């Protein structure tokens, strides 16, 4: 069952051999004893009342003592982020009835009941959703991609790499997961680049539409095209190494080529693992 898998993933990541606070036992019980919601159709239709995180477990935070022991922060709890008006379907209550187990267009997980608005009819549900998304055309996509060009990089927001990519596609009704570990698995047209030599990667990239998302470990960017033999992307970029292996920290949304270096000396092109086209 997916709920149990999420629990086990978190347990494994946090390496919780001991649990002096009882937190692990409490959240496992809270999830395993979840009960079905009593909606007319066996589920609740809902929208987010405000910005909220979709969590891997029914818990607001990781206790400080566990964070110190495991070296993890609360980001492990966050699978995705819903904005006000984003739709979902709720299937379960946690045992304490403080969290819903929901499905969204990009993931499944827990959100606080206090952040959810639920509706008894499909008509009410649709009426409560945010305004109709924009029409995805190359021109509209480029306009959104460059809307915040030059904005300062801020981790955990719409101006870090995964937040930026998510915000761009959200304008067109496409809700990607929150982070670079989950976004490449979004159910859409994708290309596995991991084992390919650079020339094969370039063949695939050159055939992509403008706005395709490119991924490498811990980073993502949007494809712009090729000019004078160089592939260009736009992305919130905190730091990189130039061709002389000097660290540069632009810390803003910028345009660059795939010739930049990472800390291990590999180029961005060599480091690419996935290409994703999140629209039909």
Protein backbone atom coordinates (compact mmCIF):
# COMPACT_ATOMS: atom_id res chain seq x y z
CA UNK A 1 0.00 0.00 0.00
CA UNK A 2 1.43 3.40 -0.98
CA UNK A 3 0.81 4.94 2.46
CA UNK A 4 3.01 2.30 4.07
CA UNK A 5 5.66 2.80 1.40
CA UNK A 6 5.82 6.51 2.18
CA UNK A 7 6.18 5.75 5.88
CA UNK A 8 8.97 3.28 5.25
CA UNK A 9 10.80 5.69 2.93
CA UNK A 10 10.83 8.34 5.66
CA UNK A 11 11.92 5.85 8.32
CA UNK A 12 14.77 4.63 6.11
CA UNK A 13 15.92 8.14 5.27
CA UNK A 14 15.89 9.33 8.86
CA UNK A 15 17.62 6.12 10.08
CA UNK A 16 15.32 5.97 13.11
CA UNK A 17 16.82 3.06 15.04
CA UNK A 18 15.80 4.82 18.24
CA UNK A 19 12.84 7.07 18.85
CA UNK A 20 13.09 8.56 22.31
CA UNK A 21 10.30 11.04 21.67
CA UNK A 22 7.77 8.43 20.49
CA UNK A 23 7.27 10.51 17.34
CA UNK A 24 7.92 7.64 14.90
CA UNK A 25 5.44 5.35 16.64
CA UNK A 26 2.85 8.12 16.84
CA UNK A 27 2.92 9.10 13.17
CA UNK A 28 2.96 5.46 12.00
CA UNK A 29 -0.11 4.77 14.13
CA UNK A 30 -1.75 7.96 12.88
CA UNK A 31 -1.34 6.81 9.27
CA UNK A 32 -1.92 3.06 9.59
CA UNK A 33 -5.19 3.63 11.45
CA UNK A 34 -6.48 6.09 8.85
CA UNK A 35 -10.20 5.87 8.13
CA UNK A 36 -12.15 6.49 4.93
CA UNK A 37 -13.80 9.87 4.55
CA UNK A 38 -17.59 9.75 4.45
CA UNK A 39 -18.13 11.62 1.20
CA UNK A 40 -21.14 10.79 -0.93
CA UNK A 41 -18.93 9.15 -3.59
CA UNK A 42 -16.49 7.57 -1.14
CA UNK A 43 -14.19 10.59 -1.29
CA UNK A 44 -14.16 14.36 -0.85
CA UNK A 45 -13.49 16.79 -3.66
CA UNK A 46 -11.43 19.69 -2.41
CA UNK A 47 -9.25 22.68 -3.13
CA UNK A 48 -6.45 24.17 -1.08
CA UNK A 49 -7.65 27.12 1.00
CA UNK A 50 -4.13 28.51 1.08
CA UNK A 51 -0.59 27.52 0.16
CA UNK A 52 0.20 24.17 1.81
CA UNK A 53 2.70 21.33 1.52
CA UNK A 54 1.68 17.81 0.54
CA UNK A 55 3.47 15.71 3.15
CA UNK A 56 4.92 12.21 3.05
CA UNK A 57 3.56 11.52 6.55
CA UNK A 58 0.78 13.03 8.72
CA UNK A 59 3.03 15.31 10.72
CA UNK A 60 3.77 19.04 10.72
CA UNK A 61 7.47 18.79 11.56
CA UNK A 62 10.32 16.49 12.52
CA UNK A 63 11.22 16.88 16.22
CA UNK A 64 14.48 18.70 16.84
CA UNK A 65 16.27 15.77 18.47
CA UNK A 66 15.58 13.53 15.47
CA UNK A 67 16.67 16.22 13.01
CA UNK A 68 19.94 16.62 14.89
CA UNK A 69 20.57 12.87 14.95
CA UNK A 70 19.64 12.25 11.31
CA UNK A 71 21.00 15.43 9.75
CA UNK A 72 17.69 15.94 7.89
CA UNK A 73 15.49 19.00 7.78
CA UNK A 74 11.73 19.19 7.35
CA UNK A 75 12.05 19.16 3.55
CA UNK A 76 11.90 15.35 3.64
CA UNK A 77 8.25 15.72 4.64
CA UNK A 78 7.35 17.84 1.59
CA UNK A 79 6.44 15.95 -1.57
CA UNK A 80 4.83 18.88 -3.37
CA UNK A 81 3.18 22.21 -2.73
CA UNK A 82 -0.41 23.26 -3.40
CA UNK A 83 -1.33 26.85 -4.07
CA UNK A 84 -4.67 28.37 -3.10
CA UNK A 85 -7.36 26.90 -5.37
CA UNK A 86 -5.38 23.83 -6.46
CA UNK A 87 -7.74 20.81 -6.69
CA UNK A 88 -7.41 17.44 -4.96
CA UNK A 89 -9.40 14.33 -4.05
CA UNK A 90 -9.35 13.28 -0.35
CA UNK A 91 -9.78 9.58 0.48
CA UNK A 92 -8.72 9.16 4.12
CA UNK A 93 -8.58 10.87 7.50
CA UNK A 94 -5.55 10.28 9.72
CA UNK A 95 -6.47 8.67 13.01
CA UNK A 96 -6.40 12.03 14.78
CA UNK A 97 -8.50 13.51 11.92
CA UNK A 98 -6.04 16.39 11.52
CA UNK A 99 -4.82 15.28 8.06
CA UNK A 100 -6.38 14.17 4.77
CA UNK A 101 -4.73 11.56 2.52
CA UNK A 102 -5.17 13.15 -0.92
CA UNK A 103 -4.45 12.62 -4.60
CA UNK A 104 -3.48 15.61 -6.74
CA UNK A 105 -2.44 15.93 -10.36
CA UNK A 106 1.22 15.62 -9.36
CA UNK A 107 1.45 13.38 -6.30
CA UNK A 108 -0.35 11.83 -3.33
CA UNK A 109 0.20 12.44 0.36
CA UNK A 110 -1.12 14.20 3.47
CA UNK A 111 -2.32 17.77 3.95
CA UNK A 112 -3.75 19.39 7.09
CA UNK A 113 -7.55 19.35 7.20
CA UNK A 114 -7.36 23.02 8.20
CA UNK A 115 -5.84 23.84 4.78
CA UNK A 116 -8.57 22.04 2.82
CA UNK A 117 -11.90 23.22 1.50
CA UNK A 118 -14.25 20.34 0.59
CA UNK A 119 -17.31 20.32 -1.63
CA UNK A 120 -20.31 18.00 -1.92
CA UNK A 121 -20.85 18.40 -5.66
CA UNK A 122 -18.57 18.44 -8.66
CA UNK A 123 -20.11 21.75 -9.74
CA UNK A 124 -19.21 23.43 -6.43
CA UNK A 125 -15.73 21.96 -6.65
CA UNK A 126 -15.05 23.29 -10.14
CA UNK A 127 -16.47 26.69 -9.22
CA UNK A 128 -14.02 26.92 -6.29
CA UNK A 129 -10.94 26.17 -8.37
CA UNK A 130 -8.64 28.98 -9.35
CA UNK A 131 -9.18 30.71 -12.66
CA UNK A 132 -8.71 28.82 -15.90
CA UNK A 133 -5.03 28.29 -16.75
CA UNK A 134 -3.37 30.01 -19.67
CA UNK A 135 -3.05 28.46 -23.11
CA UNK A 136 0.32 26.80 -23.54
CA UNK A 137 1.93 28.09 -26.73
CA UNK A 138 5.66 28.64 -27.34
CA UNK A 139 5.17 32.41 -27.08
CA UNK A 140 3.15 32.23 -23.86
CA UNK A 141 5.61 29.77 -22.37
CA UNK A 142 8.58 32.01 -23.14
CA UNK A 143 6.78 35.04 -21.67
CA UNK A 144 6.25 33.20 -18.38
CA UNK A 145 9.80 31.77 -18.39
CA UNK A 146 11.28 35.28 -18.63
CA UNK A 147 8.76 37.04 -16.39
CA UNK A 148 11.09 36.95 -13.37
CA UNK A 149 14.38 36.97 -15.25
CA UNK A 150 17.11 38.33 -12.99
CA UNK A 151 15.15 37.73 -9.76
CA UNK A 152 17.35 36.71 -6.80
CA UNK A 153 17.71 33.02 -6.05
CA UNK A 154 15.83 31.96 -2.92
CA UNK A 155 15.80 28.33 -1.82
CA UNK A 156 12.40 26.83 -1.03
CA UNK A 157 10.49 29.35 -3.14
CA UNK A 158 9.43 30.06 -6.71
CA UNK A 159 12.96 31.28 -7.43
CA UNK A 160 14.90 28.14 -6.63
CA UNK A 161 15.32 25.72 -9.52
CA UNK A 162 12.46 23.25 -8.96
CA UNK A 163 10.14 25.96 -7.63
CA UNK A 164 10.77 28.06 -10.73
CA UNK A 165 10.02 25.16 -13.11
CA UNK A 166 6.89 24.30 -11.15
CA UNK A 167 5.68 27.91 -11.18
CA UNK A 168 6.17 28.21 -14.94
CA UNK A 169 4.02 25.17 -15.72
CA UNK A 170 1.45 25.96 -13.05
CA UNK A 171 0.50 28.98 -15.20
CA UNK A 172 -0.80 26.44 -17.73
CA UNK A 173 -2.59 24.12 -15.30
CA UNK A 174 0.29 21.62 -15.04
CA UNK A 175 1.16 20.84 -11.41
CA UNK A 176 4.60 19.31 -11.11
CA UNK A 177 5.96 17.91 -7.83
CA UNK A 178 7.95 20.20 -5.60
CA UNK A 179 11.50 18.94 -5.93
CA UNK A 180 14.06 17.70 -8.44
CA UNK A 181 13.90 14.13 -7.14
CA UNK A 182 10.18 13.79 -8.00
CA UNK A 183 9.66 16.06 -11.01
CA UNK A 184 11.41 13.76 -13.55
CA UNK A 185 8.87 11.03 -12.69
CA UNK A 186 5.88 13.17 -13.66
CA UNK A 187 3.73 11.08 -16.06
CA UNK A 188 4.63 12.78 -19.34
CA UNK A 189 6.99 12.37 -22.28
CA UNK A 190 10.50 11.91 -20.87
CA UNK A 191 13.94 10.82 -22.03
CA UNK A 192 16.52 8.94 -19.98
CA UNK A 193 19.88 10.62 -20.63
CA UNK A 194 21.95 9.05 -17.86
CA UNK A 195 24.06 6.55 -19.80
CA UNK A 196 24.28 8.45 -23.08
CA UNK A 197 27.44 10.10 -24.42
CA UNK A 198 27.31 13.85 -24.90
CA UNK A 199 26.71 13.72 -28.65
CA UNK A 200 23.65 11.47 -28.18
CA UNK A 201 22.31 13.76 -25.46
CA UNK A 202 22.67 16.73 -27.80
CA UNK A 203 20.68 14.97 -30.53
CA UNK A 204 17.77 14.47 -28.12
CA UNK A 205 17.98 17.97 -26.65
CA UNK A 206 18.06 19.68 -30.06
CA UNK A 207 14.79 17.94 -30.95
CA UNK A 208 13.02 19.11 -27.78
CA UNK A 209 10.47 21.94 -27.79
CA UNK A 210 11.34 25.22 -26.12
CA UNK A 211 10.45 24.96 -22.42
CA UNK A 212 11.30 21.29 -21.96
CA UNK A 213 12.71 20.63 -18.49
CA UNK A 214 16.24 19.24 -18.15
CA UNK A 215 17.44 17.52 -14.98
CA UNK A 216 20.75 16.67 -13.40
CA UNK A 217 21.39 15.70 -9.77
CA UNK A 218 19.91 18.41 -7.50
CA UNK A 219 19.17 20.86 -10.32
CA UNK A 220 16.70 21.57 -13.12
CA UNK A 221 16.42 24.11 -15.94
CA UNK A 222 14.26 24.93 -18.99
CA UNK A 223 15.52 24.53 -22.54
CA UNK A 224 15.68 27.64 -24.73
CA UNK A 225 17.41 26.45 -27.90
CA UNK A 226 20.77 26.47 -29.65
CA UNK A 227 22.85 29.35 -30.96
CA UNK A 228 26.31 29.16 -32.55
CA UNK A 229 26.68 25.55 -31.44
CA UNK A 230 25.82 26.23 -27.79
CA UNK A 231 22.68 24.95 -26.02
CA UNK A 232 21.04 27.61 -23.84
CA UNK A 233 18.83 27.16 -20.77
CA UNK A 234 17.12 29.45 -18.27
CA UNK A 235 17.21 28.61 -14.56
CA UNK A 236 17.59 30.00 -11.04
CA UNK A 237 21.32 29.48 -10.61
CA UNK A 238 22.99 29.89 -7.25
CA UNK A 239 26.52 28.86 -8.19
CA UNK A 240 28.63 27.17 -10.85
CA UNK A 241 32.26 26.68 -11.88
CA UNK A 242 33.56 28.49 -14.96
CA UNK A 243 35.88 26.93 -17.53
CA UNK A 244 38.87 27.95 -15.37
CA UNK A 245 37.31 26.03 -12.44
CA UNK A 246 36.61 29.22 -10.51
CA UNK A 247 33.45 29.32 -8.40
CA UNK A 248 30.88 31.88 -9.53
CA UNK A 249 27.72 32.77 -7.58
CA UNK A 250 25.19 34.64 -9.70
CA UNK A 251 22.39 33.65 -7.27
CA UNK A 252 19.59 34.72 -9.62
CA UNK A 253 17.44 33.55 -12.53
CA UNK A 254 19.78 33.60 -15.49
CA UNK A 255 20.43 32.25 -18.98
CA UNK A 256 23.51 30.12 -19.55
CA UNK A 257 24.89 27.32 -21.71
CA UNK A 258 25.45 23.66 -20.84
CA UNK A 259 29.23 24.20 -21.02
CA UNK A 260 29.36 25.27 -17.37
CA UNK A 261 31.13 23.00 -14.89
CA UNK A 262 29.89 21.38 -11.70
CA UNK A 263 31.96 20.86 -8.55
CA UNK A 264 33.11 17.44 -9.81
CA UNK A 265 34.53 19.00 -12.98
CA UNK A 266 31.85 17.54 -15.28
CA UNK A 267 29.98 19.84 -17.66
CA UNK A 268 26.27 20.37 -17.22
CA UNK A 269 25.69 18.51 -20.48
CA UNK A 270 27.55 15.43 -19.24
CA UNK A 271 25.67 15.60 -15.92
CA UNK A 272 22.15 15.62 -17.44
CA UNK A 273 20.04 12.62 -16.47
CA UNK A 274 16.51 13.33 -17.74
CA UNK A 275 14.59 15.48 -20.22
CA UNK A 276 10.88 16.02 -19.58
CA UNK A 277 8.13 17.53 -21.73
CA UNK A 278 5.32 17.99 -19.18
CA UNK A 279 2.58 18.76 -21.71
CA UNK A 280 0.92 16.67 -24.42
